[in-house]
Amino acid sequence: MTKNKFITFEEVYEKKQRSKKIFIGTYITISLVLISLMTYFMGKS
């Protein structure tokens, strides 16, 4: 009972690390897409 009540520090840390990785991944993907779009339109004009 008490074991389930308390979430271990490691679990919280792992969740934070995972969400951070996902956030960084999406950020890099979005920036790459934006850069490619910018270069594409710059090359067109």
PDB file of N, CA and C in Angstrom:
ATOM      1  N   MET A   1       0.839  -1.206   0.000  1.00  0.00           N
ATOM      2  CA  MET A   1       0.000   0.000   0.000  1.00  0.00           C
ATOM      3  C   MET A   1       0.871   1.252   0.000  1.00  0.00           C
ATOM      4  N   THR A   2       1.773   1.317   0.982  1.00  0.00           N
ATOM      5  CA  THR A   2       2.610   2.515   1.072  1.00  0.00           C
ATOM      6  C   THR A   2       3.577   2.593  -0.108  1.00  0.00           C
ATOM      7  N   LYS A   3       3.973   1.428  -0.619  1.00  0.00           N
ATOM      8  CA  LYS A   3       4.921   1.404  -1.728  1.00  0.00           C
ATOM      9  C   LYS A   3       4.309   2.050  -2.976  1.00  0.00           C
ATOM     10  N   ASN A   4       3.025   1.771  -3.214  1.00  0.00           N
ATOM     11  CA  ASN A   4       2.352   2.331  -4.375  1.00  0.00           C
ATOM     12  C   ASN A   4       2.082   3.827  -4.205  1.00  0.00           C
ATOM     13  N   LYS A   5       1.911   4.250  -2.959  1.00  0.00           N
ATOM     14  CA  LYS A   5       1.610   5.650  -2.700  1.00  0.00           C
ATOM     15  C   LYS A   5       2.788   6.536  -3.085  1.00  0.00           C
ATOM     16  N   PHE A   6       3.983   6.098  -2.714  1.00  0.00           N
ATOM     17  CA  PHE A   6       5.162   6.913  -2.979  1.00  0.00           C
ATOM     18  C   PHE A   6       5.788   6.534  -4.318  1.00  0.00           C
ATOM     19  N   ILE A   7       5.867   7.516  -5.194  1.00  0.00           N
ATOM     20  CA  ILE A   7       6.543   7.280  -6.472  1.00  0.00           C
ATOM     21  C   ILE A   7       8.036   7.492  -6.238  1.00  0.00           C
ATOM     22  N   THR A   8       8.826   6.529  -6.672  1.00  0.00           N
ATOM     23  CA  THR A   8      10.267   6.623  -6.438  1.00  0.00           C
ATOM     24  C   THR A   8      10.862   7.773  -7.237  1.00  0.00           C
ATOM     25  N   PHE A   9      11.943   8.309  -6.726  1.00  0.00           N
ATOM     26  CA  PHE A   9      12.632   9.414  -7.380  1.00  0.00           C
ATOM     27  C   PHE A   9      13.116   9.010  -8.766  1.00  0.00           C
ATOM     28  N   GLU A  10      13.551   7.755  -8.885  1.00  0.00           N
ATOM     29  CA  GLU A  10      14.047   7.267 -10.173  1.00  0.00           C
ATOM     30  C   GLU A  10      12.957   7.298 -11.237  1.00  0.00           C
ATOM     31  N   GLU A  11      11.747   6.905 -10.852  1.00  0.00           N
ATOM     32  CA  GLU A  11      10.632   6.903 -11.805  1.00  0.00           C
ATOM     33  C   GLU A  11      10.348   8.308 -12.310  1.00  0.00           C
ATOM     34  N   VAL A  12      10.309   9.251 -11.391  1.00  0.00           N
ATOM     35  CA  VAL A  12      10.051  10.645 -11.766  1.00  0.00           C
ATOM     36  C   VAL A  12      11.160  11.148 -12.678  1.00  0.00           C
ATOM     37  N   TYR A  13      12.404  10.814 -12.318  1.00  0.00           N
ATOM     38  CA  TYR A  13      13.555  11.244 -13.109  1.00  0.00           C
ATOM     39  C   TYR A  13      13.488  10.664 -14.519  1.00  0.00           C
ATOM     40  N   GLU A  14      13.140   9.380 -14.615  1.00  0.00           N
ATOM     41  CA  GLU A  14      13.037   8.729 -15.924  1.00  0.00           C
ATOM     42  C   GLU A  14      11.963   9.387 -16.777  1.00  0.00           C
ATOM     43  N   LYS A  15      10.823   9.672 -16.164  1.00  0.00           N
ATOM     44  CA  LYS A  15       9.736  10.321 -16.904  1.00  0.00           C
ATOM     45  C   LYS A  15      10.174  11.689 -17.405  1.00  0.00           C
ATOM     46  N   LYS A  16      10.875  12.445 -16.549  1.00  0.00           N
ATOM     47  CA  LYS A  16      11.351  13.769 -16.944  1.00  0.00           C
ATOM     48  C   LYS A  16      12.331  13.660 -18.100  1.00  0.00           C
ATOM     49  N   GLN A  17      13.255  12.706 -18.006  1.00  0.00           N
ATOM     50  CA  GLN A  17      14.249  12.516 -19.062  1.00  0.00           C
ATOM     51  C   GLN A  17      13.565  12.149 -20.378  1.00  0.00           C
ATOM     52  N   ARG A  18      12.567  11.275 -20.308  1.00  0.00           N
ATOM     53  CA  ARG A  18      11.869  10.843 -21.517  1.00  0.00           C
ATOM     54  C   ARG A  18      11.140  12.010 -22.166  1.00  0.00           C
ATOM     55  N   SER A  19      10.429  12.800 -21.364  1.00  0.00           N
ATOM     56  CA  SER A  19       9.693  13.938 -21.903  1.00  0.00           C
ATOM     57  C   SER A  19      10.657  14.967 -22.467  1.00  0.00           C
ATOM     58  N   LYS A  20      11.825  15.128 -21.818  1.00  0.00           N
ATOM     59  CA  LYS A  20      12.828  16.073 -22.300  1.00  0.00           C
ATOM     60  C   LYS A  20      13.357  15.629 -23.659  1.00  0.00           C
ATOM     61  N   LYS A  21      13.604  14.320 -23.803  1.00  0.00           N
ATOM     62  CA  LYS A  21      14.092  13.780 -25.073  1.00  0.00           C
ATOM     63  C   LYS A  21      13.070  14.014 -26.173  1.00  0.00           C
ATOM     64  N   ILE A  22      11.796  13.765 -25.866  1.00  0.00           N
ATOM     65  CA  ILE A  22      10.730  13.957 -26.847  1.00  0.00           C
ATOM     66  C   ILE A  22      10.652  15.431 -27.233  1.00  0.00           C
ATOM     67  N   PHE A  23      10.745  16.325 -26.244  1.00  0.00           N
ATOM     68  CA  PHE A  23      10.677  17.760 -26.495  1.00  0.00           C
ATOM     69  C   PHE A  23      11.819  18.206 -27.387  1.00  0.00           C
ATOM     70  N   ILE A  24      13.044  17.757 -27.075  1.00  0.00           N
ATOM     71  CA  ILE A  24      14.213  18.121 -27.870  1.00  0.00           C
ATOM     72  C   ILE A  24      14.069  17.571 -29.287  1.00  0.00           C
ATOM     73  N   GLY A  25      13.576  16.344 -29.400  1.00  0.00           N
ATOM     74  CA  GLY A  25      13.402  15.729 -30.715  1.00  0.00           C
ATOM     75  C   GLY A  25      12.426  16.502 -31.579  1.00  0.00           C
ATOM     76  N   THR A  26      11.285  16.879 -31.006  1.00  0.00           N
ATOM     77  CA  THR A  26      10.298  17.637 -31.769  1.00  0.00           C
ATOM     78  C   THR A  26      10.847  19.012 -32.127  1.00  0.00           C
ATOM     79  N   TYR A  27      11.589  19.637 -31.202  1.00  0.00           N
ATOM     80  CA  TYR A  27      12.173  20.957 -31.443  1.00  0.00           C
ATOM     81  C   TYR A  27      13.142  20.905 -32.613  1.00  0.00           C
ATOM     82  N   ILE A  28      14.016  19.889 -32.625  1.00  0.00           N
ATOM     83  CA  ILE A  28      14.995  19.744 -33.704  1.00  0.00           C
ATOM     84  C   ILE A  28      14.278  19.493 -35.027  1.00  0.00           C
ATOM     85  N   THR A  29      13.262  18.642 -35.009  1.00  0.00           N
ATOM     86  CA  THR A  29      12.523  18.326 -36.234  1.00  0.00           C
ATOM     87  C   THR A  29      11.869  19.575 -36.806  1.00  0.00           C
ATOM     88  N   ILE A  30      11.206  20.356 -35.956  1.00  0.00           N
ATOM     89  CA  ILE A  30      10.524  21.572 -36.406  1.00  0.00           C
ATOM     90  C   ILE A  30      11.528  22.563 -36.983  1.00  0.00           C
ATOM     91  N   SER A  31      12.664  22.751 -36.294  1.00  0.00           N
ATOM     92  CA  SER A  31      13.669  23.699 -36.774  1.00  0.00           C
ATOM     93  C   SER A  31      14.246  23.230 -38.104  1.00  0.00           C
ATOM     94  N   LEU A  32      14.463  21.931 -38.261  1.00  0.00           N
ATOM     95  CA  LEU A  32      14.990  21.406 -39.526  1.00  0.00           C
ATOM     96  C   LEU A  32      13.999  21.650 -40.658  1.00  0.00           C
ATOM     97  N   VAL A  33      12.720  21.414 -40.401  1.00  0.00           N
ATOM     98  CA  VAL A  33      11.687  21.635 -41.416  1.00  0.00           C
ATOM     99  C   VAL A  33      11.644  23.108 -41.802  1.00  0.00           C
ATOM    100  N   LEU A  34      11.704  23.989 -40.805  1.00  0.00           N
ATOM    101  CA  LEU A  34      11.674  25.423 -41.078  1.00  0.00           C
ATOM    102  C   LEU A  34      12.874  25.847 -41.910  1.00  0.00           C
ATOM    103  N   ILE A  35      14.054  25.343 -41.571  1.00  0.00           N
ATOM    104  CA  ILE A  35      15.270  25.692 -42.307  1.00  0.00           C
ATOM    105  C   ILE A  35      15.164  25.215 -43.749  1.00  0.00           C
ATOM    106  N   SER A  36      14.690  23.983 -43.945  1.00  0.00           N
ATOM    107  CA  SER A  36      14.576  23.447 -45.303  1.00  0.00           C
ATOM    108  C   SER A  36      13.556  24.244 -46.112  1.00  0.00           C
ATOM    109  N   LEU A  37      12.449  24.633 -45.486  1.00  0.00           N
ATOM    110  CA  LEU A  37      11.449  25.444 -46.178  1.00  0.00           C
ATOM    111  C   LEU A  37      12.028  26.800 -46.558  1.00  0.00           C
ATOM    112  N   MET A  38      12.767  27.410 -45.634  1.00  0.00           N
ATOM    113  CA  MET A  38      13.373  28.718 -45.903  1.00  0.00           C
ATOM    114  C   MET A  38      14.353  28.632 -47.063  1.00  0.00           C
ATOM    115  N   THR A  39      15.222  27.621 -47.048  1.00  0.00           N
ATOM    116  CA  THR A  39      16.203  27.479 -48.124  1.00  0.00           C
ATOM    117  C   THR A  39      15.496  27.200 -49.446  1.00  0.00           C
ATOM    118  N   TYR A  40      14.414  26.447 -49.414  1.00  0.00           N
ATOM    119  CA  TYR A  40      13.654  26.129 -50.624  1.00  0.00           C
ATOM    120  C   TYR A  40      13.076  27.406 -51.235  1.00  0.00           C
ATOM    121  N   PHE A  41      12.461  28.239 -50.406  1.00  0.00           N
ATOM    122  CA  PHE A  41      11.861  29.475 -50.908  1.00  0.00           C
ATOM    123  C   PHE A  41      12.929  30.488 -51.314  1.00  0.00           C
ATOM    124  N   MET A  42      14.060  30.484 -50.619  1.00  0.00           N
ATOM    125  CA  MET A  42      15.153  31.393 -50.975  1.00  0.00           C
ATOM    126  C   MET A  42      15.721  30.986 -52.333  1.00  0.00           C
ATOM    127  N   GLY A  43      15.836  29.695 -52.563  1.00  0.00           N
ATOM    128  CA  GLY A  43      16.358  29.203 -53.835  1.00  0.00           C
ATOM    129  C   GLY A  43      15.401  29.489 -54.981  1.00  0.00           C
ATOM    130  N   LYS A  44      14.104  29.486 -54.689  1.00  0.00           N
ATOM    131  CA  LYS A  44      13.094  29.748 -55.721  1.00  0.00           C
ATOM    132  C   LYS A  44      13.154  31.196 -56.195  1.00  0.00           C
ATOM    133  N   SER A  45      13.230  32.120 -55.249  1.00  0.00           N
ATOM    134  CA  SER A  45      13.178  33.545 -55.597  1.00  0.00           C
ATOM    135  C   SER A  45      14.483  34.030 -56.204  1.00  0.00           C
TER     136      SER A  45
END
